[in-house]
Amino acid sequence: MTTTQQLLDERYGRTVGSERRTRRILIIGAIALAGVLTAWVVWGGLSGTSATLETRELGYADATDMSITVQWEVSAPPGTPVQCALQALNSSFGIVGWRIVEIPPSEERTRAFAQTIQTSEPAVTGLPYRCWLP
């Protein structure tokens, strides 16, 4: 003799077999998600290329009303040309001067540079904005 509860469970799919099936699907899904996350971490973290270009700000000098000299250092693979964008900033951190500098290839990995930038008003600092491999 079946009870009303058993009839309802069978009618709406709440059987012992369906609970096992749901649990099995959840476990397989969790294992698949863990596998995908592990593959993503390994691919992104271990197989990624290391940085080949580094820039370091060394400071500025000779700040006048219409120019400033930016000093910076670039580390790049030997024999690689580099381009750098330099900027001069005023006291409100607004850009008052900008220049793109092309650095020819060299056998040295790390080199220091100084470049004068013309400004539209007095600058309080000058720094490299970004460097890239052309």
C-alpha atoms as a PDB file:
ATOM      1  CA  MET A   1       0.000   0.000   0.000  1.00  0.00           C
ATOM      2  CA  THR A   2       1.418   3.346  -1.011  1.00  0.00           C
ATOM      3  CA  THR A   3       0.923   6.475   1.005  1.00  0.00           C
ATOM      4  CA  THR A   4      -0.093   9.841  -0.310  1.00  0.00           C
ATOM      5  CA  GLN A   5       3.429  11.157   0.305  1.00  0.00           C
ATOM      6  CA  GLN A   6       4.951   8.350  -1.770  1.00  0.00           C
ATOM      7  CA  LEU A   7       2.511   9.061  -4.606  1.00  0.00           C
ATOM      8  CA  LEU A   8       3.412  12.753  -4.546  1.00  0.00           C
ATOM      9  CA  ASP A   9       7.156  12.005  -4.441  1.00  0.00           C
ATOM     10  CA  GLU A  10       6.865   9.718  -7.478  1.00  0.00           C
ATOM     11  CA  ARG A  11       4.664  12.187  -9.330  1.00  0.00           C
ATOM     12  CA  TYR A  12       7.091  15.109  -8.872  1.00  0.00           C
ATOM     13  CA  GLY A  13      10.326  13.153  -9.302  1.00  0.00           C
ATOM     14  CA  ARG A  14      11.448  13.058  -5.689  1.00  0.00           C
ATOM     15  CA  THR A  15      12.676   9.509  -5.616  1.00  0.00           C
ATOM     16  CA  VAL A  16      15.816   7.967  -4.184  1.00  0.00           C
ATOM     17  CA  GLY A  17      17.195   7.577  -7.704  1.00  0.00           C
ATOM     18  CA  SER A  18      16.675  11.243  -8.557  1.00  0.00           C
ATOM     19  CA  GLU A  19      18.509  12.343  -5.412  1.00  0.00           C
ATOM     20  CA  ARG A  20      21.500  10.187  -6.369  1.00  0.00           C
ATOM     21  CA  ARG A  21      21.413  11.508  -9.928  1.00  0.00           C
ATOM     22  CA  THR A  22      21.325  15.142  -8.708  1.00  0.00           C
ATOM     23  CA  ARG A  23      24.203  14.502  -6.285  1.00  0.00           C
ATOM     24  CA  ARG A  24      26.225  12.807  -9.056  1.00  0.00           C
ATOM     25  CA  ILE A  25      25.642  15.742 -11.447  1.00  0.00           C
ATOM     26  CA  LEU A  26      26.719  18.246  -8.781  1.00  0.00           C
ATOM     27  CA  ILE A  27      29.898  16.291  -8.004  1.00  0.00           C
ATOM     28  CA  ILE A  28      30.817  15.960 -11.692  1.00  0.00           C
ATOM     29  CA  GLY A  29      30.136  19.681 -12.202  1.00  0.00           C
ATOM     30  CA  ALA A  30      32.329  20.627  -9.227  1.00  0.00           C
ATOM     31  CA  ILE A  31      35.171  18.416 -10.490  1.00  0.00           C
ATOM     32  CA  ALA A  32      34.883  19.924 -13.982  1.00  0.00           C
ATOM     33  CA  LEU A  33      34.907  23.466 -12.562  1.00  0.00           C
ATOM     34  CA  ALA A  34      37.961  22.670 -10.427  1.00  0.00           C
ATOM     35  CA  GLY A  35      39.724  21.253 -13.501  1.00  0.00           C
ATOM     36  CA  VAL A  36      38.970  24.356 -15.571  1.00  0.00           C
ATOM     37  CA  LEU A  37      40.152  26.675 -12.782  1.00  0.00           C
ATOM     38  CA  THR A  38      43.347  24.670 -12.317  1.00  0.00           C
ATOM     39  CA  ALA A  39      44.079  24.752 -16.049  1.00  0.00           C
ATOM     40  CA  TRP A  40      43.447  28.514 -16.141  1.00  0.00           C
ATOM     41  CA  VAL A  41      45.810  29.169 -13.209  1.00  0.00           C
ATOM     42  CA  VAL A  42      48.543  27.002 -14.737  1.00  0.00           C
ATOM     43  CA  TRP A  43      48.119  28.582 -18.180  1.00  0.00           C
ATOM     44  CA  GLY A  44      48.034  32.157 -16.874  1.00  0.00           C
ATOM     45  CA  GLY A  45      50.599  31.870 -14.128  1.00  0.00           C
ATOM     46  CA  LEU A  46      53.206  29.439 -15.297  1.00  0.00           C
ATOM     47  CA  SER A  47      53.174  29.600 -19.071  1.00  0.00           C
ATOM     48  CA  GLY A  48      52.916  33.397 -19.356  1.00  0.00           C
ATOM     49  CA  THR A  49      55.857  35.301 -20.750  1.00  0.00           C
ATOM     50  CA  SER A  50      57.983  37.272 -18.360  1.00  0.00           C
ATOM     51  CA  ALA A  51      58.267  41.031 -18.624  1.00  0.00           C
ATOM     52  CA  THR A  52      60.780  42.014 -21.284  1.00  0.00           C
ATOM     53  CA  LEU A  53      60.549  45.770 -20.835  1.00  0.00           C
ATOM     54  CA  GLU A  54      60.882  47.714 -17.614  1.00  0.00           C
ATOM     55  CA  THR A  55      60.931  51.458 -17.014  1.00  0.00           C
ATOM     56  CA  ARG A  56      62.096  53.270 -13.901  1.00  0.00           C
ATOM     57  CA  GLU A  57      61.685  56.948 -13.142  1.00  0.00           C
ATOM     58  CA  LEU A  58      64.918  58.588 -11.970  1.00  0.00           C
ATOM     59  CA  GLY A  59      63.606  62.109 -11.482  1.00  0.00           C
ATOM     60  CA  TYR A  60      63.725  65.463 -13.223  1.00  0.00           C
ATOM     61  CA  ALA A  61      66.084  68.425 -13.470  1.00  0.00           C
ATOM     62  CA  ASP A  62      66.409  71.923 -14.934  1.00  0.00           C
ATOM     63  CA  ALA A  63      62.759  72.861 -14.465  1.00  0.00           C
ATOM     64  CA  THR A  64      62.160  76.297 -16.013  1.00  0.00           C
ATOM     65  CA  ASP A  65      59.007  78.171 -16.957  1.00  0.00           C
ATOM     66  CA  MET A  66      58.961  76.563 -20.420  1.00  0.00           C
ATOM     67  CA  SER A  67      60.811  73.226 -20.108  1.00  0.00           C
ATOM     68  CA  ILE A  68      61.836  70.377 -17.848  1.00  0.00           C
ATOM     69  CA  THR A  69      64.377  67.554 -18.235  1.00  0.00           C
ATOM     70  CA  VAL A  70      63.029  64.069 -17.503  1.00  0.00           C
ATOM     71  CA  GLN A  71      65.470  61.381 -16.326  1.00  0.00           C
ATOM     72  CA  TRP A  72      64.546  57.712 -16.621  1.00  0.00           C
ATOM     73  CA  GLU A  73      65.967  54.243 -17.052  1.00  0.00           C
ATOM     74  CA  VAL A  74      64.875  51.552 -19.523  1.00  0.00           C
ATOM     75  CA  SER A  75      65.635  47.833 -19.289  1.00  0.00           C
ATOM     76  CA  ALA A  76      64.978  45.952 -22.532  1.00  0.00           C
ATOM     77  CA  PRO A  77      66.429  42.902 -24.287  1.00  0.00           C
ATOM     78  CA  PRO A  78      69.713  43.751 -26.047  1.00  0.00           C
ATOM     79  CA  GLY A  79      69.283  44.762 -29.661  1.00  0.00           C
ATOM     80  CA  THR A  80      65.670  45.878 -29.206  1.00  0.00           C
ATOM     81  CA  PRO A  81      64.457  49.389 -30.114  1.00  0.00           C
ATOM     82  CA  VAL A  82      62.122  51.053 -27.603  1.00  0.00           C
ATOM     83  CA  GLN A  83      59.775  54.021 -27.697  1.00  0.00           C
ATOM     84  CA  CYS A  84      58.821  55.991 -24.593  1.00  0.00           C
ATOM     85  CA  ALA A  85      56.221  58.667 -23.939  1.00  0.00           C
ATOM     86  CA  LEU A  86      57.378  61.316 -21.460  1.00  0.00           C
ATOM     87  CA  GLN A  87      55.158  63.808 -19.709  1.00  0.00           C
ATOM     88  CA  ALA A  88      55.534  66.989 -17.687  1.00  0.00           C
ATOM     89  CA  LEU A  89      52.935  67.797 -15.028  1.00  0.00           C
ATOM     90  CA  ASN A  90      51.946  71.050 -13.327  1.00  0.00           C
ATOM     91  CA  SER A  91      51.006  71.474  -9.660  1.00  0.00           C
ATOM     92  CA  SER A  92      47.426  70.309 -10.409  1.00  0.00           C
ATOM     93  CA  PHE A  93      48.784  67.124 -12.051  1.00  0.00           C
ATOM     94  CA  GLY A  94      47.684  68.375 -15.454  1.00  0.00           C
ATOM     95  CA  ILE A  95      49.834  67.477 -18.442  1.00  0.00           C
ATOM     96  CA  VAL A  96      51.693  70.580 -19.631  1.00  0.00           C
ATOM     97  CA  GLY A  97      54.256  68.824 -21.834  1.00  0.00           C
ATOM     98  CA  TRP A  98      54.464  65.573 -23.779  1.00  0.00           C
ATOM     99  CA  ARG A  99      57.080  63.939 -25.951  1.00  0.00           C
ATOM    100  CA  ILE A 100      57.598  60.541 -27.572  1.00  0.00           C
ATOM    101  CA  VAL A 101      61.239  59.453 -27.682  1.00  0.00           C
ATOM    102  CA  GLU A 102      62.643  56.711 -29.902  1.00  0.00           C
ATOM    103  CA  ILE A 103      65.479  54.775 -28.287  1.00  0.00           C
ATOM    104  CA  PRO A 104      67.737  52.917 -30.734  1.00  0.00           C
ATOM    105  CA  PRO A 105      68.833  49.314 -30.111  1.00  0.00           C
ATOM    106  CA  SER A 106      71.854  48.713 -27.916  1.00  0.00           C
ATOM    107  CA  GLU A 107      73.839  45.763 -26.612  1.00  0.00           C
ATOM    108  CA  GLU A 108      73.226  46.939 -23.029  1.00  0.00           C
ATOM    109  CA  ARG A 109      70.113  45.724 -21.246  1.00  0.00           C
ATOM    110  CA  THR A 110      69.688  48.728 -18.924  1.00  0.00           C
ATOM    111  CA  ARG A 111      70.335  52.300 -20.001  1.00  0.00           C
ATOM    112  CA  ALA A 112      69.657  55.709 -18.440  1.00  0.00           C
ATOM    113  CA  PHE A 113      68.351  58.683 -20.410  1.00  0.00           C
ATOM    114  CA  ALA A 114      67.590  62.374 -19.953  1.00  0.00           C
ATOM    115  CA  GLN A 115      65.323  64.296 -22.331  1.00  0.00           C
ATOM    116  CA  THR A 116      64.136  67.903 -22.240  1.00  0.00           C
ATOM    117  CA  ILE A 117      60.420  68.505 -22.789  1.00  0.00           C
ATOM    118  CA  GLN A 118      58.992  71.875 -23.801  1.00  0.00           C
ATOM    119  CA  THR A 119      56.061  72.894 -21.584  1.00  0.00           C
ATOM    120  CA  SER A 120      53.106  75.221 -21.978  1.00  0.00           C
ATOM    121  CA  GLU A 121      53.407  76.458 -18.379  1.00  0.00           C
ATOM    122  CA  PRO A 122      55.769  75.804 -15.445  1.00  0.00           C
ATOM    123  CA  ALA A 123      56.050  72.097 -14.640  1.00  0.00           C
ATOM    124  CA  VAL A 124      56.634  70.710 -11.158  1.00  0.00           C
ATOM    125  CA  THR A 125      57.604  67.199 -12.257  1.00  0.00           C
ATOM    126  CA  GLY A 126      58.499  65.162 -15.298  1.00  0.00           C
ATOM    127  CA  LEU A 127      58.320  61.408 -15.691  1.00  0.00           C
ATOM    128  CA  PRO A 128      58.062  58.585 -18.202  1.00  0.00           C
ATOM    129  CA  TYR A 129      54.417  57.816 -18.921  1.00  0.00           C
ATOM    130  CA  ARG A 130      54.854  54.519 -20.742  1.00  0.00           C
ATOM    131  CA  CYS A 131      57.431  52.643 -22.815  1.00  0.00           C
ATOM    132  CA  TRP A 132      56.745  49.996 -25.448  1.00  0.00           C
ATOM    133  CA  LEU A 133      58.407  47.851 -28.067  1.00  0.00           C
ATOM    134  CA  PRO A 134      57.607  49.145 -31.568  1.00  0.00           C
END
